[in-house]
Amino acid sequence: MSPLSISPIAEDTTPLRTACVMVFNANDPSGAGGLAADVTAIASVGAHALPIVTGAYARDTGEIFEHFCFGDEAVTEQARAVLEDVEVQIIKVGFVGSPENISVVAGIASDYEDVPVVAYMPDLSWWNEAQIDAYLDAFKELLLPQTTVLVGNLATLWRWLLPDWSAESPPTARDIARAAGELGVSYTLVTGLQLPDQFIENTLASPDATEACEKFERFDAVYAGAGDTLSAALAALLASGDDLNESFTEALSYLDQCLAGGFRPGMGHVLPDRLFWAQPDDETETEVGETLAPSLSAFISNMDFNPNDTKH
């Protein structure tokens, strides 16, 4: 299903509904990515996350050491219980740990075929090669045919979808989107296309056209969790009724501000500040009894916002 056909949430006389995003991902104890990134980003742009735990990483802010996968029955029971109670507008898929769990997610997506799927493919180079191959093959066969928007870095999607690419120049976003389209994907968001003068480009493409591009100046830091942040924000904006191009632009703007406010809680990489809008200004006193920072006080004083608007 094309995300362009997502209908805005119907209005009624009951309290305004918040869009719900069901997220399948692993727990990340460092808070860099995984469900921690999903839940915070989704809430930050105005939707409600329904997090389905598919496993857990053993990792710090610098690297992944191990992953412990939940069994497919545990994943199924979590998701089915919520789906019988809550209406879901979007399904967002991160790293689910095994071909069996991919099968579970694909089965749920098939049962709810009117619910668009946003799928993010992270870099899996930390994992065992045989496990990577089995996981990517299952994702291609079972989940890509049901994916509305595929999100990933150029290098990751290139190795996965165009392994036999032989041209001297790297594939374009359109090349990646065509390869994904042959597997059933409606749109592909390709990040990290290199441009001159320390700029990078992020492109939304379909198999037939380049839909939108956004250029950003590269930050001089190594980040962890940017891909989960971007894909979660995109899913939440689509769930809230924004069209695809609007969601693309707004999600990238949100990510850019998250990265600009990034912080290093440990000795590893910089993490995106997904709640940058709630941070006090440097020049504003925030001791107990003092005036709140303008950004936070403005946020609190405008709690009558439309739930489809972004909160940053």
Protein backbone atom coordinates (compact mmCIF):
# COMPACT_ATOMS: atom_id res chain seq x y z
CA MET A 1 0.00 0.00 0.00
CA SER A 2 1.34 3.44 -0.87
CA PRO A 3 1.77 5.77 2.14
CA LEU A 4 0.38 8.55 -0.03
CA SER A 5 -3.03 6.96 0.42
CA ILE A 6 -2.94 7.03 4.22
CA SER A 7 -6.09 8.76 5.40
CA PRO A 8 -5.95 11.29 8.24
CA ILE A 9 -7.31 10.02 11.53
CA ALA A 10 -11.06 10.52 11.59
CA GLU A 11 -12.37 13.29 13.84
CA ASP A 12 -15.04 12.67 16.43
CA THR A 13 -16.41 14.26 19.58
CA THR A 14 -14.35 12.10 21.93
CA PRO A 15 -10.89 13.23 23.10
CA LEU A 16 -8.50 13.58 20.18
CA ARG A 17 -6.80 10.33 19.22
CA THR A 18 -3.07 9.95 19.04
CA ALA A 19 -1.72 7.91 16.14
CA CYS A 20 -0.21 4.55 17.16
CA VAL A 21 2.94 3.02 15.70
CA MET A 22 3.68 -0.65 16.35
CA VAL A 23 7.46 -1.07 16.52
CA PHE A 24 9.35 -4.34 16.22
CA ASN A 25 12.93 -3.90 17.39
CA ALA A 26 15.56 -5.07 19.86
CA ASN A 27 16.20 -3.47 23.22
CA ASP A 28 19.38 -1.39 23.29
CA PRO A 29 20.65 -0.87 26.86
CA SER A 30 22.90 2.00 25.77
CA GLY A 31 19.92 4.00 24.52
CA ALA A 32 21.72 4.58 21.21
CA GLY A 33 19.21 2.82 18.96
CA GLY A 34 16.69 0.00 19.09
CA LEU A 35 13.46 0.44 21.01
CA ALA A 36 14.88 3.29 23.10
CA ALA A 37 15.38 5.34 19.94
CA ASP A 38 12.02 4.32 18.50
CA VAL A 39 9.92 5.16 21.54
CA THR A 40 11.57 8.53 22.18
CA ALA A 41 11.50 9.66 18.54
CA ILE A 42 7.91 8.55 18.00
CA ALA A 43 6.73 10.35 21.14
CA SER A 44 8.78 13.41 20.26
CA VAL A 45 7.01 13.93 16.94
CA GLY A 46 3.56 13.34 18.36
CA ALA A 47 2.57 9.68 18.12
CA HIS A 48 2.31 6.75 20.52
CA ALA A 49 4.71 3.80 20.30
CA LEU A 50 3.62 0.19 20.80
CA PRO A 51 7.04 -1.44 21.34
CA ILE A 52 7.36 -5.15 20.61
CA VAL A 53 10.63 -6.51 22.03
CA THR A 54 12.25 -8.94 19.60
CA GLY A 55 15.50 -9.41 21.53
CA ALA A 56 18.22 -7.51 23.32
CA TYR A 57 21.70 -6.26 22.50
CA ALA A 58 24.71 -6.52 24.76
CA ARG A 59 26.38 -3.27 23.73
CA ASP A 60 27.73 0.06 24.84
CA THR A 61 27.77 3.38 23.02
CA GLY A 62 30.75 2.28 20.93
CA GLU A 63 29.96 -1.22 19.65
CA ILE A 64 27.64 -4.22 19.69
CA PHE A 65 29.07 -7.28 21.42
CA GLU A 66 26.17 -9.72 21.19
CA HIS A 67 22.48 -10.05 20.48
CA PHE A 68 20.03 -12.31 22.29
CA CYS A 69 16.99 -13.12 20.20
CA PHE A 70 13.47 -13.69 21.54
CA GLY A 71 11.61 -16.71 20.24
CA ASP A 72 8.97 -16.18 17.59
CA GLU A 73 6.18 -17.20 19.97
CA ALA A 74 7.12 -14.47 22.44
CA VAL A 75 7.13 -11.88 19.66
CA THR A 76 3.80 -13.12 18.32
CA GLU A 77 2.09 -13.05 21.71
CA GLN A 78 3.24 -9.48 22.41
CA ALA A 79 2.01 -8.14 19.07
CA ARG A 80 -1.28 -10.04 18.84
CA ALA A 81 -2.32 -9.01 22.35
CA VAL A 82 -1.92 -5.31 21.51
CA LEU A 83 -3.48 -5.61 18.06
CA GLU A 84 -6.69 -7.03 19.56
CA ASP A 85 -6.97 -3.89 21.69
CA VAL A 86 -5.41 -0.95 19.82
CA GLU A 87 -5.88 0.35 16.27
CA VAL A 88 -2.47 0.70 14.64
CA GLN A 89 -1.77 3.25 11.89
CA ILE A 90 1.79 2.20 10.97
CA ILE A 91 4.09 -0.77 11.55
CA LYS A 92 7.78 0.11 11.90
CA VAL A 93 10.35 -2.68 11.68
CA GLY A 94 13.89 -2.45 12.96
CA PHE A 95 16.25 -5.33 13.75
CA VAL A 96 14.19 -8.36 14.78
CA GLY A 97 17.01 -10.86 15.22
CA SER A 98 16.07 -13.97 13.22
CA PRO A 99 14.33 -15.25 10.08
CA GLU A 100 11.64 -16.71 12.34
CA ASN A 101 10.84 -13.29 13.77
CA ILE A 102 10.82 -11.80 10.28
CA SER A 103 8.20 -14.42 9.42
CA VAL A 104 6.11 -13.34 12.42
CA VAL A 105 6.24 -9.66 11.40
CA ALA A 106 5.45 -10.53 7.78
CA GLY A 107 2.45 -12.59 8.89
CA ILE A 108 1.09 -9.73 10.97
CA ALA A 109 1.66 -7.25 8.13
CA SER A 110 -0.24 -9.59 5.83
CA ASP A 111 -3.14 -9.85 8.25
CA TYR A 112 -3.28 -6.04 8.47
CA GLU A 113 -2.60 -5.32 4.83
CA ASP A 114 -4.09 -1.81 4.99
CA VAL A 115 -1.46 -0.76 7.55
CA PRO A 116 1.69 0.60 5.83
CA VAL A 117 5.09 -0.80 6.83
CA VAL A 118 8.22 1.32 7.35
CA ALA A 119 11.27 -0.97 7.48
CA TYR A 120 14.77 0.11 8.51
CA MET A 121 17.78 -2.03 7.61
CA PRO A 122 20.76 -1.27 9.88
CA ASP A 123 24.40 -2.14 9.33
CA LEU A 124 24.79 -5.79 10.41
CA SER A 125 28.56 -6.05 9.97
CA TRP A 126 28.98 -6.78 13.69
CA TRP A 127 27.09 -10.09 13.26
CA ASN A 128 28.11 -13.57 12.07
CA GLU A 129 28.23 -13.79 8.26
CA ALA A 130 25.99 -16.86 8.03
CA GLN A 131 23.41 -15.21 10.29
CA ILE A 132 23.53 -12.04 8.19
CA ASP A 133 22.89 -13.96 4.97
CA ALA A 134 19.97 -15.92 6.43
CA TYR A 135 18.44 -12.77 7.90
CA LEU A 136 18.75 -10.70 4.72
CA ASP A 137 17.39 -13.51 2.55
CA ALA A 138 14.33 -13.88 4.79
CA PHE A 139 13.80 -10.13 4.84
CA LYS A 140 13.92 -10.03 1.03
CA GLU A 141 11.52 -12.92 0.59
CA LEU A 142 9.02 -12.30 3.37
CA LEU A 143 8.98 -8.66 4.39
CA LEU A 144 10.12 -6.50 1.47
CA PRO A 145 7.04 -7.46 -0.60
CA GLN A 146 4.95 -5.85 2.15
CA THR A 147 7.17 -2.83 2.79
CA THR A 148 5.84 0.60 1.92
CA VAL A 149 9.00 2.58 2.73
CA LEU A 150 12.45 1.01 3.09
CA VAL A 151 15.01 3.13 4.95
CA GLY A 152 18.76 2.57 4.96
CA ASN A 153 22.21 3.97 4.38
CA LEU A 154 23.50 3.84 0.81
CA ALA A 155 26.38 1.50 1.68
CA THR A 156 24.14 -0.94 3.55
CA LEU A 157 21.43 -1.05 0.87
CA TRP A 158 24.03 -1.26 -1.92
CA ARG A 159 25.70 -4.35 -0.43
CA TRP A 160 22.32 -5.97 0.19
CA LEU A 161 20.25 -5.14 -2.88
CA LEU A 162 22.93 -4.63 -5.56
CA PRO A 163 25.76 -7.02 -4.59
CA ASP A 164 26.86 -7.45 -8.22
CA TRP A 165 27.06 -3.73 -9.00
CA SER A 166 30.07 -3.31 -11.31
CA ALA A 167 29.94 0.32 -12.43
CA GLU A 168 32.80 2.59 -11.40
CA SER A 169 30.48 5.09 -9.73
CA PRO A 170 28.24 4.12 -6.80
CA PRO A 171 24.58 3.38 -7.48
CA THR A 172 22.14 6.26 -7.20
CA ALA A 173 19.12 6.32 -4.95
CA ARG A 174 17.02 5.52 -8.02
CA ASP A 175 19.16 2.42 -8.68
CA ILE A 176 18.57 1.28 -5.11
CA ALA A 177 14.85 2.04 -5.35
CA ARG A 178 14.54 0.05 -8.59
CA ALA A 179 16.21 -2.96 -6.99
CA ALA A 180 13.94 -2.66 -3.94
CA GLY A 181 10.93 -2.16 -6.21
CA GLU A 182 11.59 -5.46 -7.93
CA LEU A 183 11.08 -7.05 -4.52
CA GLY A 184 7.84 -5.20 -3.85
CA VAL A 185 8.95 -2.02 -2.05
CA SER A 186 6.96 1.10 -2.95
CA TYR A 187 9.49 3.74 -1.82
CA THR A 188 13.08 3.76 -0.62
CA LEU A 189 14.71 6.43 1.56
CA VAL A 190 18.45 6.31 0.93
CA THR A 191 20.68 8.20 3.35
CA GLY A 192 24.35 9.13 3.28
CA LEU A 193 24.91 9.95 -0.40
CA GLN A 194 28.23 11.78 -0.51
CA LEU A 195 28.38 15.30 -1.94
CA PRO A 196 31.31 17.73 -2.25
CA ASP A 197 32.26 20.16 0.53
CA GLN A 198 31.26 17.96 3.47
CA PHE A 199 27.61 17.69 2.49
CA ILE A 200 25.48 14.57 2.34
CA GLU A 201 22.22 13.99 0.52
CA ASN A 202 19.24 11.93 1.58
CA THR A 203 16.86 10.90 -1.17
CA LEU A 204 13.37 9.47 -1.30
CA ALA A 205 12.81 7.50 -4.51
CA SER A 206 10.35 5.14 -6.11
CA PRO A 207 11.27 2.68 -8.86
CA ASP A 208 10.05 5.27 -11.37
CA ALA A 209 11.18 8.63 -10.01
CA THR A 210 13.14 10.60 -7.46
CA GLU A 211 10.45 11.92 -5.16
CA ALA A 212 12.43 14.31 -2.94
CA CYS A 213 15.99 15.18 -1.85
CA GLU A 214 17.36 16.99 1.17
CA LYS A 215 20.97 18.13 1.58
CA PHE A 216 22.64 18.59 4.97
CA GLU A 217 26.11 19.56 6.10
CA ARG A 218 27.99 16.65 7.65
CA PHE A 219 28.59 16.84 11.39
CA ASP A 220 32.13 16.19 12.55
CA ALA A 221 31.23 13.26 14.80
CA VAL A 222 30.39 9.56 14.69
CA TYR A 223 26.79 8.91 15.72
CA ALA A 224 24.96 5.81 16.89
CA GLY A 225 21.21 5.45 16.45
CA ALA A 226 20.58 7.91 13.62
CA GLY A 227 18.86 5.36 11.35
CA ASP A 228 16.42 4.16 13.99
CA THR A 229 15.68 7.77 14.88
CA LEU A 230 14.95 8.78 11.29
CA SER A 231 12.81 5.76 10.43
CA ALA A 232 10.83 6.01 13.68
CA ALA A 233 10.13 9.71 13.12
CA LEU A 234 9.09 9.03 9.53
CA ALA A 235 6.71 6.27 10.66
CA ALA A 236 5.17 8.48 13.34
CA LEU A 237 4.60 11.38 10.95
CA LEU A 238 2.98 9.11 8.38
CA ALA A 239 0.83 7.58 11.10
CA SER A 240 -0.32 11.05 12.12
CA GLY A 241 -1.66 11.75 8.65
CA ASP A 242 1.16 13.68 6.94
CA ASP A 243 1.76 12.78 3.32
CA LEU A 244 4.95 11.04 2.30
CA ASN A 245 6.93 14.05 1.07
CA GLU A 246 5.99 16.13 4.11
CA SER A 247 6.95 13.27 6.41
CA PHE A 248 10.27 12.82 4.60
CA THR A 249 11.20 16.49 4.96
CA GLU A 250 10.02 16.80 8.55
CA ALA A 251 11.69 13.56 9.69
CA LEU A 252 15.03 14.65 8.22
CA SER A 253 14.71 18.09 9.82
CA TYR A 254 13.99 16.41 13.14
CA LEU A 255 17.00 14.11 12.78
CA ASP A 256 19.24 17.05 11.85
CA GLN A 257 18.30 18.85 15.06
CA CYS A 258 18.74 15.64 17.07
CA LEU A 259 22.26 15.29 15.70
CA ALA A 260 23.06 18.98 16.20
CA GLY A 261 22.18 18.54 19.87
CA GLY A 262 23.95 15.18 20.14
CA PHE A 263 25.71 14.17 23.33
CA ARG A 264 28.24 11.55 24.43
CA PRO A 265 27.04 9.79 27.61
CA GLY A 266 29.88 7.27 27.59
CA MET A 267 33.24 6.74 25.94
CA GLY A 268 31.86 5.67 22.56
CA HIS A 269 29.84 7.41 19.88
CA VAL A 270 27.65 10.50 20.05
CA LEU A 271 23.93 9.83 20.51
CA PRO A 272 21.17 11.93 18.95
CA ASP A 273 19.28 14.12 21.41
CA ARG A 274 15.74 13.11 20.47
CA LEU A 275 14.31 15.47 23.08
CA PHE A 276 16.38 18.48 22.02
CA TRP A 277 13.28 20.70 22.13
CA ALA A 278 12.92 20.11 25.88
CA GLN A 279 16.44 21.19 26.79
CA PRO A 280 16.93 24.54 28.57
CA ASP A 281 18.74 27.32 26.74
CA ASP A 282 22.35 27.75 27.85
CA GLU A 283 21.74 31.33 28.94
CA THR A 284 18.59 30.60 30.94
CA GLU A 285 18.73 29.78 34.63
CA THR A 286 16.87 26.57 35.45
CA GLU A 287 17.33 26.14 39.19
CA VAL A 288 14.25 25.33 41.23
CA GLY A 289 12.13 28.45 41.49
CA GLU A 290 13.76 30.14 38.48
CA THR A 291 12.18 30.81 35.10
CA LEU A 292 11.91 27.83 32.76
CA ALA A 293 13.81 27.89 29.50
CA PRO A 294 11.78 29.54 26.72
CA SER A 295 11.70 26.38 24.62
CA LEU A 296 10.32 24.27 27.46
CA SER A 297 7.94 26.88 28.86
CA ALA A 298 6.55 27.50 25.36
CA PHE A 299 6.03 23.78 24.93
CA ILE A 300 4.16 23.51 28.23
CA SER A 301 2.00 26.56 27.52
CA ASN A 302 0.90 25.13 24.17
CA MET A 303 -0.42 21.79 25.33
CA ASP A 304 -3.57 22.30 23.24
CA PHE A 305 -1.68 21.45 20.04
CA ASN A 306 -3.19 19.22 17.40
CA PRO A 307 -1.85 15.70 18.03
CA ASN A 308 -0.90 15.43 14.36
CA ASP A 309 1.55 18.33 14.72
CA THR A 310 5.15 17.65 15.66
CA LYS A 311 5.99 18.67 19.20
CA HIS A 312 9.43 20.06 18.42
